[in-house]
Amino acid sequence: MFGRLTFPQMLLACVLGVAGGIYIYQPIFEQYSRDQKMLKEKSQIVQESEEKKS
């Protein structure tokens, strides 16, 4: 029986793999989210300053 995995074992391995990937890459996702918020805020500030000039 060596080398064979049952369905529950495969399911557990998949769940642990996905959870581990999310855990490892979470800081990268958070940094990307922060960067996008900052870019959005900067673009809004630039748009507001251009509207005031007009």
PDB file of N, CA and C in Angstrom:
ATOM      1  N   MET A   1       0.820  -1.190   0.000  1.00  0.00           N
ATOM      2  CA  MET A   1       0.000   0.000   0.000  1.00  0.00           C
ATOM      3  C   MET A   1       0.865   1.256   0.000  1.00  0.00           C
ATOM      4  N   PHE A   2       2.146   1.090  -0.028  1.00  0.00           N
ATOM      5  CA  PHE A   2       3.050   2.234  -0.049  1.00  0.00           C
ATOM      6  C   PHE A   2       2.865   3.025  -1.337  1.00  0.00           C
ATOM      7  N   GLY A   3       2.757   4.351  -1.203  1.00  0.00           N
ATOM      8  CA  GLY A   3       2.620   5.198  -2.374  1.00  0.00           C
ATOM      9  C   GLY A   3       1.190   5.532  -2.729  1.00  0.00           C
ATOM     10  N   ARG A   4       0.242   4.958  -2.069  1.00  0.00           N
ATOM     11  CA  ARG A   4      -1.165   5.253  -2.368  1.00  0.00           C
ATOM     12  C   ARG A   4      -1.747   6.129  -1.273  1.00  0.00           C
ATOM     13  N   LEU A   5      -2.497   7.114  -1.725  1.00  0.00           N
ATOM     14  CA  LEU A   5      -3.153   8.003  -0.772  1.00  0.00           C
ATOM     15  C   LEU A   5      -4.658   7.860  -0.915  1.00  0.00           C
ATOM     16  N   THR A   6      -5.329   7.880   0.198  1.00  0.00           N
ATOM     17  CA  THR A   6      -6.782   7.830   0.156  1.00  0.00           C
ATOM     18  C   THR A   6      -7.314   9.224  -0.151  1.00  0.00           C
ATOM     19  N   PHE A   7      -8.575   9.304  -0.500  1.00  0.00           N
ATOM     20  CA  PHE A   7      -9.174  10.593  -0.834  1.00  0.00           C
ATOM     21  C   PHE A   7      -9.089  11.588   0.326  1.00  0.00           C
ATOM     22  N   PRO A   8      -9.398  11.194   1.563  1.00  0.00           N
ATOM     23  CA  PRO A   8      -9.268  12.164   2.669  1.00  0.00           C
ATOM     24  C   PRO A   8      -7.832  12.664   2.857  1.00  0.00           C
ATOM     25  N   GLN A   9      -6.856  11.803   2.626  1.00  0.00           N
ATOM     26  CA  GLN A   9      -5.465  12.232   2.748  1.00  0.00           C
ATOM     27  C   GLN A   9      -5.106  13.235   1.651  1.00  0.00           C
ATOM     28  N   MET A  10      -5.575  12.975   0.430  1.00  0.00           N
ATOM     29  CA  MET A  10      -5.328  13.905  -0.677  1.00  0.00           C
ATOM     30  C   MET A  10      -6.010  15.232  -0.410  1.00  0.00           C
ATOM     31  N   LEU A  11      -7.233  15.188   0.089  1.00  0.00           N
ATOM     32  CA  LEU A  11      -7.980  16.403   0.386  1.00  0.00           C
ATOM     33  C   LEU A  11      -7.268  17.210   1.470  1.00  0.00           C
ATOM     34  N   LEU A  12      -6.793  16.546   2.498  1.00  0.00           N
ATOM     35  CA  LEU A  12      -6.060  17.230   3.567  1.00  0.00           C
ATOM     36  C   LEU A  12      -4.772  17.857   3.033  1.00  0.00           C
ATOM     37  N   ALA A  13      -4.064  17.126   2.183  1.00  0.00           N
ATOM     38  CA  ALA A  13      -2.826  17.661   1.610  1.00  0.00           C
ATOM     39  C   ALA A  13      -3.108  18.897   0.760  1.00  0.00           C
ATOM     40  N   CYS A  14      -4.176  18.868  -0.006  1.00  0.00           N
ATOM     41  CA  CYS A  14      -4.532  20.022  -0.841  1.00  0.00           C
ATOM     42  C   CYS A  14      -4.906  21.224   0.016  1.00  0.00           C
ATOM     43  N   VAL A  15      -5.690  21.004   1.044  1.00  0.00           N
ATOM     44  CA  VAL A  15      -6.105  22.091   1.926  1.00  0.00           C
ATOM     45  C   VAL A  15      -4.898  22.696   2.628  1.00  0.00           C
ATOM     46  N   LEU A  16      -4.013  21.852   3.119  1.00  0.00           N
ATOM     47  CA  LEU A  16      -2.809  22.353   3.784  1.00  0.00           C
ATOM     48  C   LEU A  16      -1.909  23.091   2.810  1.00  0.00           C
ATOM     49  N   GLY A  17      -1.834  22.623   1.579  1.00  0.00           N
ATOM     50  CA  GLY A  17      -1.017  23.300   0.576  1.00  0.00           C
ATOM     51  C   GLY A  17      -1.543  24.689   0.254  1.00  0.00           C
ATOM     52  N   VAL A  18      -2.841  24.796   0.062  1.00  0.00           N
ATOM     53  CA  VAL A  18      -3.446  26.104  -0.227  1.00  0.00           C
ATOM     54  C   VAL A  18      -3.300  27.033   0.971  1.00  0.00           C
ATOM     55  N   ALA A  19      -3.573  26.523   2.167  1.00  0.00           N
ATOM     56  CA  ALA A  19      -3.462  27.351   3.374  1.00  0.00           C
ATOM     57  C   ALA A  19      -2.014  27.806   3.577  1.00  0.00           C
ATOM     58  N   GLY A  20      -1.063  26.937   3.328  1.00  0.00           N
ATOM     59  CA  GLY A  20       0.342  27.319   3.462  1.00  0.00           C
ATOM     60  C   GLY A  20       0.735  28.382   2.452  1.00  0.00           C
ATOM     61  N   GLY A  21       0.241  28.268   1.232  1.00  0.00           N
ATOM     62  CA  GLY A  21       0.529  29.275   0.215  1.00  0.00           C
ATOM     63  C   GLY A  21      -0.038  30.626   0.573  1.00  0.00           C
ATOM     64  N   ILE A  22      -1.260  30.622   1.078  1.00  0.00           N
ATOM     65  CA  ILE A  22      -1.875  31.886   1.493  1.00  0.00           C
ATOM     66  C   ILE A  22      -1.097  32.493   2.652  1.00  0.00           C
ATOM     67  N   TYR A  23      -0.692  31.653   3.602  1.00  0.00           N
ATOM     68  CA  TYR A  23       0.058  32.140   4.762  1.00  0.00           C
ATOM     69  C   TYR A  23       1.393  32.757   4.340  1.00  0.00           C
ATOM     70  N   ILE A  24       2.066  32.113   3.402  1.00  0.00           N
ATOM     71  CA  ILE A  24       3.382  32.598   2.979  1.00  0.00           C
ATOM     72  C   ILE A  24       3.270  33.891   2.182  1.00  0.00           C
ATOM     73  N   TYR A  25       2.283  33.970   1.271  1.00  0.00           N
ATOM     74  CA  TYR A  25       2.188  35.123   0.375  1.00  0.00           C
ATOM     75  C   TYR A  25       1.303  36.242   0.909  1.00  0.00           C
ATOM     76  N   GLN A  26       0.737  36.101   2.090  1.00  0.00           N
ATOM     77  CA  GLN A  26      -0.136  37.121   2.661  1.00  0.00           C
ATOM     78  C   GLN A  26       0.536  38.491   2.761  1.00  0.00           C
ATOM     79  N   PRO A  27       1.776  38.614   3.227  1.00  0.00           N
ATOM     80  CA  PRO A  27       2.405  39.942   3.288  1.00  0.00           C
ATOM     81  C   PRO A  27       2.526  40.597   1.914  1.00  0.00           C
ATOM     82  N   ILE A  28       2.758  39.809   0.883  1.00  0.00           N
ATOM     83  CA  ILE A  28       2.861  40.358  -0.468  1.00  0.00           C
ATOM     84  C   ILE A  28       1.512  40.908  -0.905  1.00  0.00           C
ATOM     85  N   PHE A  29       0.440  40.170  -0.628  1.00  0.00           N
ATOM     86  CA  PHE A  29      -0.904  40.629  -0.977  1.00  0.00           C
ATOM     87  C   PHE A  29      -1.252  41.898  -0.225  1.00  0.00           C
ATOM     88  N   GLU A  30      -0.897  41.971   1.048  1.00  0.00           N
ATOM     89  CA  GLU A  30      -1.189  43.158   1.846  1.00  0.00           C
ATOM     90  C   GLU A  30      -0.416  44.369   1.330  1.00  0.00           C
ATOM     91  N   GLN A  31       0.854  44.179   0.962  1.00  0.00           N
ATOM     92  CA  GLN A  31       1.656  45.279   0.431  1.00  0.00           C
ATOM     93  C   GLN A  31       1.067  45.768  -0.883  1.00  0.00           C
ATOM     94  N   TYR A  32       0.640  44.861  -1.735  1.00  0.00           N
ATOM     95  CA  TYR A  32       0.036  45.239  -3.011  1.00  0.00           C
ATOM     96  C   TYR A  32      -1.238  46.051  -2.768  1.00  0.00           C
ATOM     97  N   SER A  33      -2.037  45.625  -1.803  1.00  0.00           N
ATOM     98  CA  SER A  33      -3.274  46.339  -1.485  1.00  0.00           C
ATOM     99  C   SER A  33      -2.973  47.749  -0.979  1.00  0.00           C
ATOM    100  N   ARG A  34      -1.969  47.880  -0.109  1.00  0.00           N
ATOM    101  CA  ARG A  34      -1.583  49.203   0.400  1.00  0.00           C
ATOM    102  C   ARG A  34      -1.088  50.097  -0.730  1.00  0.00           C
ATOM    103  N   ASP A  35      -0.274  49.536  -1.629  1.00  0.00           N
ATOM    104  CA  ASP A  35       0.241  50.316  -2.750  1.00  0.00           C
ATOM    105  C   ASP A  35      -0.886  50.808  -3.648  1.00  0.00           C
ATOM    106  N   GLN A  36      -1.864  49.949  -3.901  1.00  0.00           N
ATOM    107  CA  GLN A  36      -2.985  50.342  -4.754  1.00  0.00           C
ATOM    108  C   GLN A  36      -3.799  51.456  -4.097  1.00  0.00           C
ATOM    109  N   LYS A  37      -3.995  51.377  -2.782  1.00  0.00           N
ATOM    110  CA  LYS A  37      -4.728  52.433  -2.074  1.00  0.00           C
ATOM    111  C   LYS A  37      -3.979  53.759  -2.170  1.00  0.00           C
ATOM    112  N   MET A  38      -2.655  53.712  -1.993  1.00  0.00           N
ATOM    113  CA  MET A  38      -1.860  54.936  -2.053  1.00  0.00           C
ATOM    114  C   MET A  38      -1.922  55.548  -3.451  1.00  0.00           C
ATOM    115  N   LEU A  39      -1.821  54.709  -4.491  1.00  0.00           N
ATOM    116  CA  LEU A  39      -1.894  55.223  -5.855  1.00  0.00           C
ATOM    117  C   LEU A  39      -3.256  55.844  -6.142  1.00  0.00           C
ATOM    118  N   LYS A  40      -4.302  55.221  -5.634  1.00  0.00           N
ATOM    119  CA  LYS A  40      -5.656  55.744  -5.841  1.00  0.00           C
ATOM    120  C   LYS A  40      -5.813  57.093  -5.143  1.00  0.00           C
ATOM    121  N   GLU A  41      -5.314  57.187  -3.911  1.00  0.00           N
ATOM    122  CA  GLU A  41      -5.402  58.449  -3.178  1.00  0.00           C
ATOM    123  C   GLU A  41      -4.596  59.545  -3.869  1.00  0.00           C
ATOM    124  N   LYS A  42      -3.402  59.210  -4.362  1.00  0.00           N
ATOM    125  CA  LYS A  42      -2.578  60.202  -5.056  1.00  0.00           C
ATOM    126  C   LYS A  42      -3.252  60.686  -6.333  1.00  0.00           C
ATOM    127  N   SER A  43      -3.874  59.764  -7.066  1.00  0.00           N
ATOM    128  CA  SER A  43      -4.530  60.167  -8.306  1.00  0.00           C
ATOM    129  C   SER A  43      -5.735  61.059  -8.008  1.00  0.00           C
ATOM    130  N   GLN A  44      -6.434  60.797  -6.902  1.00  0.00           N
ATOM    131  CA  GLN A  44      -7.562  61.653  -6.529  1.00  0.00           C
ATOM    132  C   GLN A  44      -7.074  63.040  -6.147  1.00  0.00           C
ATOM    133  N   ILE A  45      -5.958  63.134  -5.448  1.00  0.00           N
ATOM    134  CA  ILE A  45      -5.395  64.425  -5.056  1.00  0.00           C
ATOM    135  C   ILE A  45      -4.992  65.210  -6.295  1.00  0.00           C
ATOM    136  N   VAL A  46      -4.356  64.528  -7.260  1.00  0.00           N
ATOM    137  CA  VAL A  46      -3.942  65.192  -8.495  1.00  0.00           C
ATOM    138  C   VAL A  46      -5.161  65.686  -9.265  1.00  0.00           C
ATOM    139  N   GLN A  47      -6.208  64.884  -9.332  1.00  0.00           N
ATOM    140  CA  GLN A  47      -7.427  65.286 -10.039  1.00  0.00           C
ATOM    141  C   GLN A  47      -8.072  66.495  -9.366  1.00  0.00           C
ATOM    142  N   GLU A  48      -8.113  66.496  -8.038  1.00  0.00           N
ATOM    143  CA  GLU A  48      -8.710  67.620  -7.309  1.00  0.00           C
ATOM    144  C   GLU A  48      -7.899  68.894  -7.535  1.00  0.00           C
ATOM    145  N   SER A  49      -6.579  68.783  -7.545  1.00  0.00           N
ATOM    146  CA  SER A  49      -5.763  69.985  -7.753  1.00  0.00           C
ATOM    147  C   SER A  49      -5.921  70.501  -9.185  1.00  0.00           C
ATOM    148  N   GLU A  50      -6.100  69.622 -10.151  1.00  0.00           N
ATOM    149  CA  GLU A  50      -6.309  70.045 -11.533  1.00  0.00           C
ATOM    150  C   GLU A  50      -7.677  70.725 -11.678  1.00  0.00           C
ATOM    151  N   GLU A  51      -8.671  70.217 -10.951  1.00  0.00           N
ATOM    152  CA  GLU A  51     -10.003  70.816 -11.021  1.00  0.00           C
ATOM    153  C   GLU A  51      -9.998  72.212 -10.409  1.00  0.00           C
ATOM    154  N   LYS A  52      -9.206  72.401  -9.351  1.00  0.00           N
ATOM    155  CA  LYS A  52      -9.131  73.723  -8.714  1.00  0.00           C
ATOM    156  C   LYS A  52      -8.453  74.735  -9.634  1.00  0.00           C
ATOM    157  N   LYS A  53      -7.479  74.279 -10.433  1.00  0.00           N
ATOM    158  CA  LYS A  53      -6.775  75.160 -11.353  1.00  0.00           C
ATOM    159  C   LYS A  53      -7.690  75.634 -12.485  1.00  0.00           C
ATOM    160  N   SER A  54      -8.625  74.787 -12.866  1.00  0.00           N
ATOM    161  CA  SER A  54      -9.512  75.117 -13.992  1.00  0.00           C
ATOM    162  C   SER A  54     -10.560  76.142 -13.624  1.00  0.00           C
TER     163      SER A  54
END
